[in-house]
Amino acid sequence: MTNKRPYRAISIRQPYAEQILQGKKRFEYRSRPTTIRERVFIYAALKEAAGAEPSDYKPIGKDFESLPKGVIVGSVEICDCKSLGRRGGYAFKLARPIRLGSPRKAKNQPQPMFWMPVF
């Protein structure tokens, strides 16, 4: 793993972006695999995660309205990517989250998966 400053970002909807920053969510599930094994920024998307329920907010002690959205909130290392087999999809293993002192707005348009933010 490298501790270099990230140059890519991954878009994650709330409350999952906050769960990652608090170290409560250690895997990100996606339909496509990744070969990225480095620190990436976490972009808290504008929309709430589909299917998010009150129980998803309880461990982080916040509600959707109080969470940052539409900004870079921190970074995390992607350590591995495993196939979920018959279930389909992939699990990105996450480690060592770091919260930014203050969220930062990117000047360019975020993408659904990985993208290069410009500050």
PDB file of N, CA and C in Angstrom:
ATOM      1  N   MET A   1       0.831  -1.192   0.000  1.00  0.00           N
ATOM      2  CA  MET A   1       0.000   0.000   0.000  1.00  0.00           C
ATOM      3  C   MET A   1       0.871   1.249   0.000  1.00  0.00           C
ATOM      4  N   THR A   2       0.355   2.240  -0.632  1.00  0.00           N
ATOM      5  CA  THR A   2       1.079   3.502  -0.703  1.00  0.00           C
ATOM      6  C   THR A   2       0.351   4.572   0.100  1.00  0.00           C
ATOM      7  N   ASN A   3       1.077   5.488   0.674  1.00  0.00           N
ATOM      8  CA  ASN A   3       0.479   6.587   1.418  1.00  0.00           C
ATOM      9  C   ASN A   3       0.514   7.885   0.628  1.00  0.00           C
ATOM     10  N   LYS A   4       0.753   7.794  -0.687  1.00  0.00           N
ATOM     11  CA  LYS A   4       0.767   8.991  -1.515  1.00  0.00           C
ATOM     12  C   LYS A   4      -0.618   9.627  -1.535  1.00  0.00           C
ATOM     13  N   ARG A   5      -0.646  10.922  -1.831  1.00  0.00           N
ATOM     14  CA  ARG A   5      -1.910  11.643  -1.943  1.00  0.00           C
ATOM     15  C   ARG A   5      -2.739  11.022  -3.057  1.00  0.00           C
ATOM     16  N   PRO A   6      -4.022  10.764  -2.798  1.00  0.00           N
ATOM     17  CA  PRO A   6      -4.855  10.167  -3.834  1.00  0.00           C
ATOM     18  C   PRO A   6      -5.068  11.128  -5.001  1.00  0.00           C
ATOM     19  N   TYR A   7      -5.264  10.576  -6.178  1.00  0.00           N
ATOM     20  CA  TYR A   7      -5.594  11.412  -7.322  1.00  0.00           C
ATOM     21  C   TYR A   7      -6.891  10.962  -7.987  1.00  0.00           C
ATOM     22  N   ARG A   8      -7.438   9.820  -7.541  1.00  0.00           N
ATOM     23  CA  ARG A   8      -8.734   9.359  -8.019  1.00  0.00           C
ATOM     24  C   ARG A   8      -9.732   9.459  -6.885  1.00  0.00           C
ATOM     25  N   ALA A   9     -11.005   9.443  -7.252  1.00  0.00           N
ATOM     26  CA  ALA A   9     -12.077   9.436  -6.253  1.00  0.00           C
ATOM     27  C   ALA A   9     -13.075   8.351  -6.618  1.00  0.00           C
ATOM     28  N   ILE A  10     -13.742   7.831  -5.609  1.00  0.00           N
ATOM     29  CA  ILE A  10     -14.841   6.895  -5.810  1.00  0.00           C
ATOM     30  C   ILE A  10     -16.092   7.549  -5.233  1.00  0.00           C
ATOM     31  N   SER A  11     -17.178   7.490  -5.988  1.00  0.00           N
ATOM     32  CA  SER A  11     -18.447   8.060  -5.547  1.00  0.00           C
ATOM     33  C   SER A  11     -19.196   7.038  -4.706  1.00  0.00           C
ATOM     34  N   ILE A  12     -19.587   7.459  -3.507  1.00  0.00           N
ATOM     35  CA  ILE A  12     -20.313   6.585  -2.591  1.00  0.00           C
ATOM     36  C   ILE A  12     -21.460   7.389  -1.979  1.00  0.00           C
ATOM     37  N   ARG A  13     -22.639   6.820  -1.990  1.00  0.00           N
ATOM     38  CA  ARG A  13     -23.809   7.506  -1.430  1.00  0.00           C
ATOM     39  C   ARG A  13     -23.838   7.381   0.091  1.00  0.00           C
ATOM     40  N   GLN A  14     -24.506   8.351   0.706  1.00  0.00           N
ATOM     41  CA  GLN A  14     -24.700   8.327   2.150  1.00  0.00           C
ATOM     42  C   GLN A  14     -25.816   7.343   2.480  1.00  0.00           C
ATOM     43  N   PRO A  15     -25.770   6.634   3.569  1.00  0.00           N
ATOM     44  CA  PRO A  15     -24.898   6.794   4.723  1.00  0.00           C
ATOM     45  C   PRO A  15     -23.590   6.009   4.621  1.00  0.00           C
ATOM     46  N   TYR A  16     -23.354   5.354   3.485  1.00  0.00           N
ATOM     47  CA  TYR A  16     -22.201   4.463   3.384  1.00  0.00           C
ATOM     48  C   TYR A  16     -20.868   5.197   3.356  1.00  0.00           C
ATOM     49  N   ALA A  17     -20.820   6.401   2.784  1.00  0.00           N
ATOM     50  CA  ALA A  17     -19.573   7.174   2.815  1.00  0.00           C
ATOM     51  C   ALA A  17     -19.181   7.451   4.268  1.00  0.00           C
ATOM     52  N   GLU A  18     -20.150   7.833   5.091  1.00  0.00           N
ATOM     53  CA  GLU A  18     -19.872   8.109   6.511  1.00  0.00           C
ATOM     54  C   GLU A  18     -19.491   6.832   7.251  1.00  0.00           C
ATOM     55  N   GLN A  19     -20.140   5.717   6.949  1.00  0.00           N
ATOM     56  CA  GLN A  19     -19.788   4.451   7.589  1.00  0.00           C
ATOM     57  C   GLN A  19     -18.340   4.069   7.286  1.00  0.00           C
ATOM     58  N   ILE A  20     -17.895   4.318   6.058  1.00  0.00           N
ATOM     59  CA  ILE A  20     -16.504   4.034   5.687  1.00  0.00           C
ATOM     60  C   ILE A  20     -15.557   4.919   6.486  1.00  0.00           C
ATOM     61  N   LEU A  21     -15.852   6.215   6.557  1.00  0.00           N
ATOM     62  CA  LEU A  21     -14.979   7.139   7.292  1.00  0.00           C
ATOM     63  C   LEU A  21     -14.881   6.768   8.773  1.00  0.00           C
ATOM     64  N   GLN A  22     -15.953   6.257   9.335  1.00  0.00           N
ATOM     65  CA  GLN A  22     -15.940   5.860  10.749  1.00  0.00           C
ATOM     66  C   GLN A  22     -15.356   4.457  10.951  1.00  0.00           C
ATOM     67  N   GLY A  23     -14.964   3.791   9.875  1.00  0.00           N
ATOM     68  CA  GLY A  23     -14.381   2.462   9.986  1.00  0.00           C
ATOM     69  C   GLY A  23     -15.395   1.355  10.229  1.00  0.00           C
ATOM     70  N   LYS A  24     -16.675   1.650  10.039  1.00  0.00           N
ATOM     71  CA  LYS A  24     -17.737   0.671  10.286  1.00  0.00           C
ATOM     72  C   LYS A  24     -18.070  -0.141   9.027  1.00  0.00           C
ATOM     73  N   LYS A  25     -17.699   0.352   7.877  1.00  0.00           N
ATOM     74  CA  LYS A  25     -17.937  -0.353   6.611  1.00  0.00           C
ATOM     75  C   LYS A  25     -16.573  -0.628   5.994  1.00  0.00           C
ATOM     76  N   ARG A  26     -16.241  -1.898   5.851  1.00  0.00           N
ATOM     77  CA  ARG A  26     -14.902  -2.268   5.383  1.00  0.00           C
ATOM     78  C   ARG A  26     -14.895  -2.841   3.973  1.00  0.00           C
ATOM     79  N   PHE A  27     -16.083  -2.978   3.379  1.00  0.00           N
ATOM     80  CA  PHE A  27     -16.182  -3.465   2.009  1.00  0.00           C
ATOM     81  C   PHE A  27     -17.159  -2.599   1.238  1.00  0.00           C
ATOM     82  N   GLU A  28     -16.828  -2.305  -0.005  1.00  0.00           N
ATOM     83  CA  GLU A  28     -17.722  -1.593  -0.911  1.00  0.00           C
ATOM     84  C   GLU A  28     -18.086  -2.583  -2.007  1.00  0.00           C
ATOM     85  N   TYR A  29     -19.366  -2.757  -2.238  1.00  0.00           N
ATOM     86  CA  TYR A  29     -19.847  -3.746  -3.193  1.00  0.00           C
ATOM     87  C   TYR A  29     -20.217  -3.071  -4.507  1.00  0.00           C
ATOM     88  N   ARG A  30     -19.679  -3.607  -5.594  1.00  0.00           N
ATOM     89  CA  ARG A  30     -19.914  -3.060  -6.932  1.00  0.00           C
ATOM     90  C   ARG A  30     -20.166  -4.188  -7.922  1.00  0.00           C
ATOM     91  N   SER A  31     -20.733  -3.827  -9.063  1.00  0.00           N
ATOM     92  CA  SER A  31     -21.029  -4.830 -10.094  1.00  0.00           C
ATOM     93  C   SER A  31     -19.816  -5.131 -10.967  1.00  0.00           C
ATOM     94  N   ARG A  32     -18.818  -4.257 -10.930  1.00  0.00           N
ATOM     95  CA  ARG A  32     -17.607  -4.455 -11.742  1.00  0.00           C
ATOM     96  C   ARG A  32     -16.383  -4.533 -10.834  1.00  0.00           C
ATOM     97  N   PRO A  33     -15.379  -5.307 -11.252  1.00  0.00           N
ATOM     98  CA  PRO A  33     -14.153  -5.405 -10.448  1.00  0.00           C
ATOM     99  C   PRO A  33     -13.261  -4.184 -10.655  1.00  0.00           C
ATOM    100  N   THR A  34     -12.249  -4.061  -9.812  1.00  0.00           N
ATOM    101  CA  THR A  34     -11.235  -3.023  -9.984  1.00  0.00           C
ATOM    102  C   THR A  34      -9.851  -3.623  -9.753  1.00  0.00           C
ATOM    103  N   THR A  35      -8.873  -3.069 -10.453  1.00  0.00           N
ATOM    104  CA  THR A  35      -7.479  -3.458 -10.220  1.00  0.00           C
ATOM    105  C   THR A  35      -6.764  -2.385  -9.397  1.00  0.00           C
ATOM    106  N   ILE A  36      -7.473  -1.350  -9.010  1.00  0.00           N
ATOM    107  CA  ILE A  36      -6.896  -0.260  -8.216  1.00  0.00           C
ATOM    108  C   ILE A  36      -6.565  -0.774  -6.816  1.00  0.00           C
ATOM    109  N   ARG A  37      -5.321  -0.533  -6.394  1.00  0.00           N
ATOM    110  CA  ARG A  37      -4.857  -0.895  -5.049  1.00  0.00           C
ATOM    111  C   ARG A  37      -4.078   0.292  -4.518  1.00  0.00           C
ATOM    112  N   GLU A  38      -4.801   1.302  -4.104  1.00  0.00           N
ATOM    113  CA  GLU A  38      -4.175   2.542  -3.626  1.00  0.00           C
ATOM    114  C   GLU A  38      -5.203   3.354  -2.861  1.00  0.00           C
ATOM    115  N   ARG A  39      -4.742   4.465  -2.300  1.00  0.00           N
ATOM    116  CA  ARG A  39      -5.627   5.389  -1.592  1.00  0.00           C
ATOM    117  C   ARG A  39      -6.417   6.192  -2.619  1.00  0.00           C
ATOM    118  N   VAL A  40      -7.732   6.302  -2.381  1.00  0.00           N
ATOM    119  CA  VAL A  40      -8.617   7.087  -3.239  1.00  0.00           C
ATOM    120  C   VAL A  40      -9.441   8.027  -2.365  1.00  0.00           C
ATOM    121  N   PHE A  41      -9.828   9.160  -2.947  1.00  0.00           N
ATOM    122  CA  PHE A  41     -10.747  10.058  -2.256  1.00  0.00           C
ATOM    123  C   PHE A  41     -12.121   9.411  -2.173  1.00  0.00           C
ATOM    124  N   ILE A  42     -12.872   9.777  -1.148  1.00  0.00           N
ATOM    125  CA  ILE A  42     -14.272   9.369  -1.024  1.00  0.00           C
ATOM    126  C   ILE A  42     -15.123  10.595  -1.338  1.00  0.00           C
ATOM    127  N   TYR A  43     -15.918  10.495  -2.394  1.00  0.00           N
ATOM    128  CA  TYR A  43     -16.865  11.536  -2.756  1.00  0.00           C
ATOM    129  C   TYR A  43     -18.230  11.121  -2.224  1.00  0.00           C
ATOM    130  N   ALA A  44     -18.808  11.924  -1.335  1.00  0.00           N
ATOM    131  CA  ALA A  44     -20.150  11.659  -0.819  1.00  0.00           C
ATOM    132  C   ALA A  44     -21.145  12.178  -1.857  1.00  0.00           C
ATOM    133  N   ALA A  45     -21.796  11.254  -2.537  1.00  0.00           N
ATOM    134  CA  ALA A  45     -22.723  11.612  -3.620  1.00  0.00           C
ATOM    135  C   ALA A  45     -23.898  12.431  -3.096  1.00  0.00           C
ATOM    136  N   LEU A  46     -24.581  13.094  -4.021  1.00  0.00           N
ATOM    137  CA  LEU A  46     -25.712  13.948  -3.659  1.00  0.00           C
ATOM    138  C   LEU A  46     -26.935  13.161  -3.202  1.00  0.00           C
ATOM    139  N   LYS A  47     -27.136  11.985  -3.779  1.00  0.00           N
ATOM    140  CA  LYS A  47     -28.330  11.203  -3.474  1.00  0.00           C
ATOM    141  C   LYS A  47     -28.085  10.193  -2.355  1.00  0.00           C
ATOM    142  N   GLU A  48     -29.160   9.862  -1.680  1.00  0.00           N
ATOM    143  CA  GLU A  48     -29.114   8.826  -0.648  1.00  0.00           C
ATOM    144  C   GLU A  48     -29.024   7.460  -1.324  1.00  0.00           C
ATOM    145  N   ALA A  49     -28.380   6.529  -0.663  1.00  0.00           N
ATOM    146  CA  ALA A  49     -28.253   5.166  -1.183  1.00  0.00           C
ATOM    147  C   ALA A  49     -29.635   4.545  -1.356  1.00  0.00           C
ATOM    148  N   ALA A  50     -29.827   3.878  -2.482  1.00  0.00           N
ATOM    149  CA  ALA A  50     -31.083   3.180  -2.723  1.00  0.00           C
ATOM    150  C   ALA A  50     -31.268   2.123  -1.645  1.00  0.00           C
ATOM    151  N   GLY A  51     -32.423   2.084  -1.077  1.00  0.00           N
ATOM    152  CA  GLY A  51     -32.707   1.082  -0.052  1.00  0.00           C
ATOM    153  C   GLY A  51     -32.162   1.393   1.327  1.00  0.00           C
ATOM    154  N   ALA A  52     -31.576   2.585   1.511  1.00  0.00           N
ATOM    155  CA  ALA A  52     -31.065   2.951   2.837  1.00  0.00           C
ATOM    156  C   ALA A  52     -32.232   3.031   3.817  1.00  0.00           C
ATOM    157  N   GLU A  53     -32.024   2.478   4.998  1.00  0.00           N
ATOM    158  CA  GLU A  53     -33.066   2.434   6.022  1.00  0.00           C
ATOM    159  C   GLU A  53     -32.565   3.104   7.297  1.00  0.00           C
ATOM    160  N   PRO A  54     -33.472   3.450   8.201  1.00  0.00           N
ATOM    161  CA  PRO A  54     -33.045   4.081   9.460  1.00  0.00           C
ATOM    162  C   PRO A  54     -31.967   3.284  10.190  1.00  0.00           C
ATOM    163  N   SER A  55     -32.003   1.961  10.076  1.00  0.00           N
ATOM    164  CA  SER A  55     -31.000   1.135  10.752  1.00  0.00           C
ATOM    165  C   SER A  55     -29.593   1.352  10.186  1.00  0.00           C
ATOM    166  N   ASP A  56     -29.484   1.858   8.942  1.00  0.00           N
ATOM    167  CA  ASP A  56     -28.175   2.150   8.358  1.00  0.00           C
ATOM    168  C   ASP A  56     -27.552   3.400   8.972  1.00  0.00           C
ATOM    169  N   TYR A  57     -28.378   4.276   9.525  1.00  0.00           N
ATOM    170  CA  TYR A  57     -27.902   5.527  10.120  1.00  0.00           C
ATOM    171  C   TYR A  57     -27.604   5.389  11.610  1.00  0.00           C
ATOM    172  N   LYS A  58     -28.228   4.418  12.247  1.00  0.00           N
ATOM    173  CA  LYS A  58     -28.074   4.256  13.691  1.00  0.00           C
ATOM    174  C   LYS A  58     -26.618   4.094  14.122  1.00  0.00           C
ATOM    175  N   PRO A  59     -25.798   3.234  13.455  1.00  0.00           N
ATOM    176  CA  PRO A  59     -24.403   3.054  13.900  1.00  0.00           C
ATOM    177  C   PRO A  59     -23.543   4.320  13.792  1.00  0.00           C
ATOM    178  N   ILE A  60     -23.936   5.249  12.925  1.00  0.00           N
ATOM    179  CA  ILE A  60     -23.116   6.454  12.754  1.00  0.00           C
ATOM    180  C   ILE A  60     -23.658   7.642  13.542  1.00  0.00           C
ATOM    181  N   GLY A  61     -24.859   7.492  14.108  1.00  0.00           N
ATOM    182  CA  GLY A  61     -25.419   8.542  14.963  1.00  0.00           C
ATOM    183  C   GLY A  61     -25.802   9.819  14.230  1.00  0.00           C
ATOM    184  N   LYS A  62     -26.131   9.708  12.947  1.00  0.00           N
ATOM    185  CA  LYS A  62     -26.529  10.885  12.163  1.00  0.00           C
ATOM    186  C   LYS A  62     -27.667  10.492  11.239  1.00  0.00           C
ATOM    187  N   ASP A  63     -28.384  11.513  10.718  1.00  0.00           N
ATOM    188  CA  ASP A  63     -29.410  11.242   9.722  1.00  0.00           C
ATOM    189  C   ASP A  63     -28.945  11.783   8.371  1.00  0.00           C
ATOM    190  N   PHE A  64     -29.688  11.469   7.319  1.00  0.00           N
ATOM    191  CA  PHE A  64     -29.287  11.845   5.966  1.00  0.00           C
ATOM    192  C   PHE A  64     -29.078  13.359   5.827  1.00  0.00           C
ATOM    193  N   GLU A  65     -29.969  14.126   6.394  1.00  0.00           N
ATOM    194  CA  GLU A  65     -29.896  15.586   6.252  1.00  0.00           C
ATOM    195  C   GLU A  65     -28.640  16.184   6.883  1.00  0.00           C
ATOM    196  N   SER A  66     -28.117  15.565   7.919  1.00  0.00           N
ATOM    197  CA  SER A  66     -26.953  16.129   8.618  1.00  0.00           C
ATOM    198  C   SER A  66     -25.614  15.694   8.005  1.00  0.00           C
ATOM    199  N   LEU A  67     -25.641  14.789   7.040  1.00  0.00           N
ATOM    200  CA  LEU A  67     -24.400  14.291   6.434  1.00  0.00           C
ATOM    201  C   LEU A  67     -23.986  15.142   5.238  1.00  0.00           C
ATOM    202  N   PRO A  68     -22.675  15.286   5.008  1.00  0.00           N
ATOM    203  CA  PRO A  68     -22.220  16.036   3.839  1.00  0.00           C
ATOM    204  C   PRO A  68     -22.557  15.289   2.543  1.00  0.00           C
ATOM    205  N   LYS A  69     -22.915  16.059   1.515  1.00  0.00           N
ATOM    206  CA  LYS A  69     -23.257  15.491   0.215  1.00  0.00           C
ATOM    207  C   LYS A  69     -22.689  16.380  -0.877  1.00  0.00           C
ATOM    208  N   GLY A  70     -22.259  15.756  -1.977  1.00  0.00           N
ATOM    209  CA  GLY A  70     -21.751  16.519  -3.104  1.00  0.00           C
ATOM    210  C   GLY A  70     -20.342  17.045  -2.910  1.00  0.00           C
ATOM    211  N   VAL A  71     -19.580  16.420  -2.011  1.00  0.00           N
ATOM    212  CA  VAL A  71     -18.220  16.875  -1.695  1.00  0.00           C
ATOM    213  C   VAL A  71     -17.295  15.685  -1.426  1.00  0.00           C
ATOM    214  N   ILE A  72     -15.993  15.946  -1.524  1.00  0.00           N
ATOM    215  CA  ILE A  72     -14.976  14.982  -1.120  1.00  0.00           C
ATOM    216  C   ILE A  72     -14.878  15.064   0.400  1.00  0.00           C
ATOM    217  N   VAL A  73     -15.049  13.928   1.082  1.00  0.00           N
ATOM    218  CA  VAL A  73     -15.080  13.944   2.552  1.00  0.00           C
ATOM    219  C   VAL A  73     -13.869  13.289   3.200  1.00  0.00           C
ATOM    220  N   GLY A  74     -13.099  12.549   2.428  1.00  0.00           N
ATOM    221  CA  GLY A  74     -11.941  11.867   2.998  1.00  0.00           C
ATOM    222  C   GLY A  74     -11.305  10.958   1.976  1.00  0.00           C
ATOM    223  N   SER A  75     -10.553   9.987   2.481  1.00  0.00           N
ATOM    224  CA  SER A  75      -9.918   9.013   1.593  1.00  0.00           C
ATOM    225  C   SER A  75      -9.859   7.663   2.287  1.00  0.00           C
ATOM    226  N   VAL A  76      -9.626   6.625   1.488  1.00  0.00           N
ATOM    227  CA  VAL A  76      -9.533   5.259   1.993  1.00  0.00           C
ATOM    228  C   VAL A  76      -8.633   4.469   1.052  1.00  0.00           C
ATOM    229  N   GLU A  77      -7.981   3.451   1.571  1.00  0.00           N
ATOM    230  CA  GLU A  77      -7.164   2.587   0.725  1.00  0.00           C
ATOM    231  C   GLU A  77      -8.000   1.411   0.244  1.00  0.00           C
ATOM    232  N   ILE A  78      -7.911   1.124  -1.047  1.00  0.00           N
ATOM    233  CA  ILE A  78      -8.505  -0.096  -1.597  1.00  0.00           C
ATOM    234  C   ILE A  78      -7.392  -1.134  -1.587  1.00  0.00           C
ATOM    235  N   CYS A  79      -7.579  -2.191  -0.806  1.00  0.00           N
ATOM    236  CA  CYS A  79      -6.537  -3.200  -0.595  1.00  0.00           C
ATOM    237  C   CYS A  79      -6.709  -4.433  -1.455  1.00  0.00           C
ATOM    238  N   ASP A  80      -7.950  -4.718  -1.843  1.00  0.00           N
ATOM    239  CA  ASP A  80      -8.216  -5.957  -2.567  1.00  0.00           C
ATOM    240  C   ASP A  80      -9.578  -5.868  -3.230  1.00  0.00           C
ATOM    241  N   CYS A  81      -9.836  -6.799  -4.147  1.00  0.00           N
ATOM    242  CA  CYS A  81     -11.129  -6.908  -4.807  1.00  0.00           C
ATOM    243  C   CYS A  81     -11.405  -8.388  -5.018  1.00  0.00           C
ATOM    244  N   LYS A  82     -12.501  -8.853  -4.469  1.00  0.00           N
ATOM    245  CA  LYS A  82     -12.857 -10.271  -4.551  1.00  0.00           C
ATOM    246  C   LYS A  82     -14.198 -10.443  -5.254  1.00  0.00           C
ATOM    247  N   SER A  83     -14.291 -11.483  -6.071  1.00  0.00           N
ATOM    248  CA  SER A  83     -15.555 -11.847  -6.702  1.00  0.00           C
ATOM    249  C   SER A  83     -16.479 -12.432  -5.644  1.00  0.00           C
ATOM    250  N   LEU A  84     -17.750 -12.130  -5.754  1.00  0.00           N
ATOM    251  CA  LEU A  84     -18.730 -12.694  -4.822  1.00  0.00           C
ATOM    252  C   LEU A  84     -19.304 -14.004  -5.360  1.00  0.00           C
ATOM    253  N   GLY A  85     -18.685 -14.529  -6.404  1.00  0.00           N
ATOM    254  CA  GLY A  85     -19.070 -15.836  -6.934  1.00  0.00           C
ATOM    255  C   GLY A  85     -20.465 -15.851  -7.516  1.00  0.00           C
ATOM    256  N   ARG A  86     -21.233 -16.840  -7.153  1.00  0.00           N
ATOM    257  CA  ARG A  86     -22.591 -17.017  -7.694  1.00  0.00           C
ATOM    258  C   ARG A  86     -23.510 -15.849  -7.395  1.00  0.00           C
ATOM    259  N   ARG A  87     -23.266 -15.183  -6.275  1.00  0.00           N
ATOM    260  CA  ARG A  87     -24.102 -14.021  -5.906  1.00  0.00           C
ATOM    261  C   ARG A  87     -23.952 -12.902  -6.923  1.00  0.00           C
ATOM    262  N   GLY A  88     -22.805 -12.864  -7.602  1.00  0.00           N
ATOM    263  CA  GLY A  88     -22.538 -11.802  -8.560  1.00  0.00           C
ATOM    264  C   GLY A  88     -21.966 -10.584  -7.865  1.00  0.00           C
ATOM    265  N   GLY A  89     -21.226  -9.794  -8.607  1.00  0.00           N
ATOM    266  CA  GLY A  89     -20.649  -8.588  -8.065  1.00  0.00           C
ATOM    267  C   GLY A  89     -19.280  -8.806  -7.448  1.00  0.00           C
ATOM    268  N   TYR A  90     -18.757  -7.727  -6.873  1.00  0.00           N
ATOM    269  CA  TYR A  90     -17.404  -7.721  -6.332  1.00  0.00           C
ATOM    270  C   TYR A  90     -17.379  -6.931  -5.036  1.00  0.00           C
ATOM    271  N   ALA A  91     -16.473  -7.327  -4.155  1.00  0.00           N
ATOM    272  CA  ALA A  91     -16.281  -6.635  -2.879  1.00  0.00           C
ATOM    273  C   ALA A  91     -14.900  -6.003  -2.878  1.00  0.00           C
ATOM    274  N   PHE A  92     -14.850  -4.669  -2.763  1.00  0.00           N
ATOM    275  CA  PHE A  92     -13.585  -3.951  -2.645  1.00  0.00           C
ATOM    276  C   PHE A  92     -13.263  -3.889  -1.155  1.00  0.00           C
ATOM    277  N   LYS A  93     -12.103  -4.400  -0.763  1.00  0.00           N
ATOM    278  CA  LYS A  93     -11.701  -4.350   0.646  1.00  0.00           C
ATOM    279  C   LYS A  93     -11.097  -2.976   0.925  1.00  0.00           C
ATOM    280  N   LEU A  94     -11.607  -2.305   1.960  1.00  0.00           N
ATOM    281  CA  LEU A  94     -11.188  -0.945   2.309  1.00  0.00           C
ATOM    282  C   LEU A  94     -10.424  -0.944   3.624  1.00  0.00           C
ATOM    283  N   ALA A  95      -9.439  -0.044   3.734  1.00  0.00           N
ATOM    284  CA  ALA A  95      -8.649   0.043   4.965  1.00  0.00           C
ATOM    285  C   ALA A  95      -8.187   1.479   5.205  1.00  0.00           C
ATOM    286  N   ARG A  96      -7.902   1.789   6.445  1.00  0.00           N
ATOM    287  CA  ARG A  96      -7.295   3.047   6.876  1.00  0.00           C
ATOM    288  C   ARG A  96      -7.990   4.307   6.338  1.00  0.00           C
ATOM    289  N   PRO A  97      -9.274   4.490   6.664  1.00  0.00           N
ATOM    290  CA  PRO A  97      -9.960   5.711   6.221  1.00  0.00           C
ATOM    291  C   PRO A  97      -9.402   6.947   6.918  1.00  0.00           C
ATOM    292  N   ILE A  98      -9.395   8.050   6.200  1.00  0.00           N
ATOM    293  CA  ILE A  98      -8.958   9.343   6.746  1.00  0.00           C
ATOM    294  C   ILE A  98      -9.988  10.393   6.354  1.00  0.00           C
ATOM    295  N   ARG A  99     -10.510  11.106   7.353  1.00  0.00           N
ATOM    296  CA  ARG A  99     -11.481  12.175   7.106  1.00  0.00           C
ATOM    297  C   ARG A  99     -10.727  13.478   6.813  1.00  0.00           C
ATOM    298  N   LEU A 100     -11.178  14.221   5.825  1.00  0.00           N
ATOM    299  CA  LEU A 100     -10.604  15.545   5.569  1.00  0.00           C
ATOM    300  C   LEU A 100     -11.010  16.489   6.695  1.00  0.00           C
ATOM    301  N   GLY A 101     -10.179  17.477   6.980  1.00  0.00           N
ATOM    302  CA  GLY A 101     -10.507  18.470   8.002  1.00  0.00           C
ATOM    303  C   GLY A 101     -11.799  19.200   7.676  1.00  0.00           C
ATOM    304  N   SER A 102     -11.994  19.507   6.410  1.00  0.00           N
ATOM    305  CA  SER A 102     -13.249  20.092   5.938  1.00  0.00           C
ATOM    306  C   SER A 102     -13.512  19.550   4.534  1.00  0.00           C
ATOM    307  N   PRO A 103     -14.772  19.222   4.234  1.00  0.00           N
ATOM    308  CA  PRO A 103     -15.097  18.684   2.912  1.00  0.00           C
ATOM    309  C   PRO A 103     -14.695  19.656   1.803  1.00  0.00           C
ATOM    310  N   ARG A 104     -14.324  19.088   0.648  1.00  0.00           N
ATOM    311  CA  ARG A 104     -13.890  19.904  -0.493  1.00  0.00           C
ATOM    312  C   ARG A 104     -14.764  19.631  -1.702  1.00  0.00           C
ATOM    313  N   LYS A 105     -15.165  20.691  -2.361  1.00  0.00           N
ATOM    314  CA  LYS A 105     -15.982  20.584  -3.567  1.00  0.00           C
ATOM    315  C   LYS A 105     -15.062  20.467  -4.768  1.00  0.00           C
ATOM    316  N   ALA A 106     -15.305  19.482  -5.616  1.00  0.00           N
ATOM    317  CA  ALA A 106     -14.536  19.331  -6.850  1.00  0.00           C
ATOM    318  C   ALA A 106     -15.127  20.238  -7.921  1.00  0.00           C
ATOM    319  N   LYS A 107     -14.271  20.736  -8.802  1.00  0.00           N
ATOM    320  CA  LYS A 107     -14.733  21.633  -9.867  1.00  0.00           C
ATOM    321  C   LYS A 107     -15.333  20.874 -11.041  1.00  0.00           C
ATOM    322  N   ASN A 108     -14.957  19.612 -11.183  1.00  0.00           N
ATOM    323  CA  ASN A 108     -15.476  18.834 -12.302  1.00  0.00           C
ATOM    324  C   ASN A 108     -16.606  17.906 -11.855  1.00  0.00           C
ATOM    325  N   GLN A 109     -17.267  17.301 -12.816  1.00  0.00           N
ATOM    326  CA  GLN A 109     -18.430  16.457 -12.572  1.00  0.00           C
ATOM    327  C   GLN A 109     -18.032  15.065 -12.091  1.00  0.00           C
ATOM    328  N   PRO A 110     -18.526  14.627 -10.935  1.00  0.00           N
ATOM    329  CA  PRO A 110     -18.221  13.274 -10.465  1.00  0.00           C
ATOM    330  C   PRO A 110     -18.875  12.223 -11.359  1.00  0.00           C
ATOM    331  N   GLN A 111     -18.287  11.050 -11.383  1.00  0.00           N
ATOM    332  CA  GLN A 111     -18.773   9.919 -12.163  1.00  0.00           C
ATOM    333  C   GLN A 111     -19.270   8.838 -11.210  1.00  0.00           C
ATOM    334  N   PRO A 112     -20.027   7.866 -11.731  1.00  0.00           N
ATOM    335  CA  PRO A 112     -20.571   6.830 -10.849  1.00  0.00           C
ATOM    336  C   PRO A 112     -19.522   5.983 -10.130  1.00  0.00           C
ATOM    337  N   MET A 113     -18.369   5.761 -10.737  1.00  0.00           N
ATOM    338  CA  MET A 113     -17.385   4.907 -10.068  1.00  0.00           C
ATOM    339  C   MET A 113     -16.134   5.730  -9.792  1.00  0.00           C
ATOM    340  N   PHE A 114     -15.036   5.461 -10.475  1.00  0.00           N
ATOM    341  CA  PHE A 114     -13.800   6.199 -10.243  1.00  0.00           C
ATOM    342  C   PHE A 114     -13.700   7.387 -11.187  1.00  0.00           C
ATOM    343  N   TRP A 115     -13.173   8.492 -10.675  1.00  0.00           N
ATOM    344  CA  TRP A 115     -12.985   9.688 -11.485  1.00  0.00           C
ATOM    345  C   TRP A 115     -11.862  10.510 -10.880  1.00  0.00           C
ATOM    346  N   MET A 116     -11.368  11.484 -11.626  1.00  0.00           N
ATOM    347  CA  MET A 116     -10.254  12.328 -11.191  1.00  0.00           C
ATOM    348  C   MET A 116     -10.778  13.717 -10.803  1.00  0.00           C
ATOM    349  N   PRO A 117     -10.883  13.997  -9.498  1.00  0.00           N
ATOM    350  CA  PRO A 117     -11.390  15.303  -9.097  1.00  0.00           C
ATOM    351  C   PRO A 117     -10.372  16.412  -9.347  1.00  0.00           C
ATOM    352  N   VAL A 118     -10.877  17.579  -9.679  1.00  0.00           N
ATOM    353  CA  VAL A 118     -10.060  18.779  -9.857  1.00  0.00           C
ATOM    354  C   VAL A 118     -10.502  19.767  -8.788  1.00  0.00           C
ATOM    355  N   PHE A 119      -9.537  20.278  -8.019  1.00  0.00           N
ATOM    356  CA  PHE A 119      -9.862  21.228  -6.946  1.00  0.00           C
ATOM    357  C   PHE A 119      -9.463  22.627  -7.339  1.00  0.00           C
TER     358      PHE A 119
END
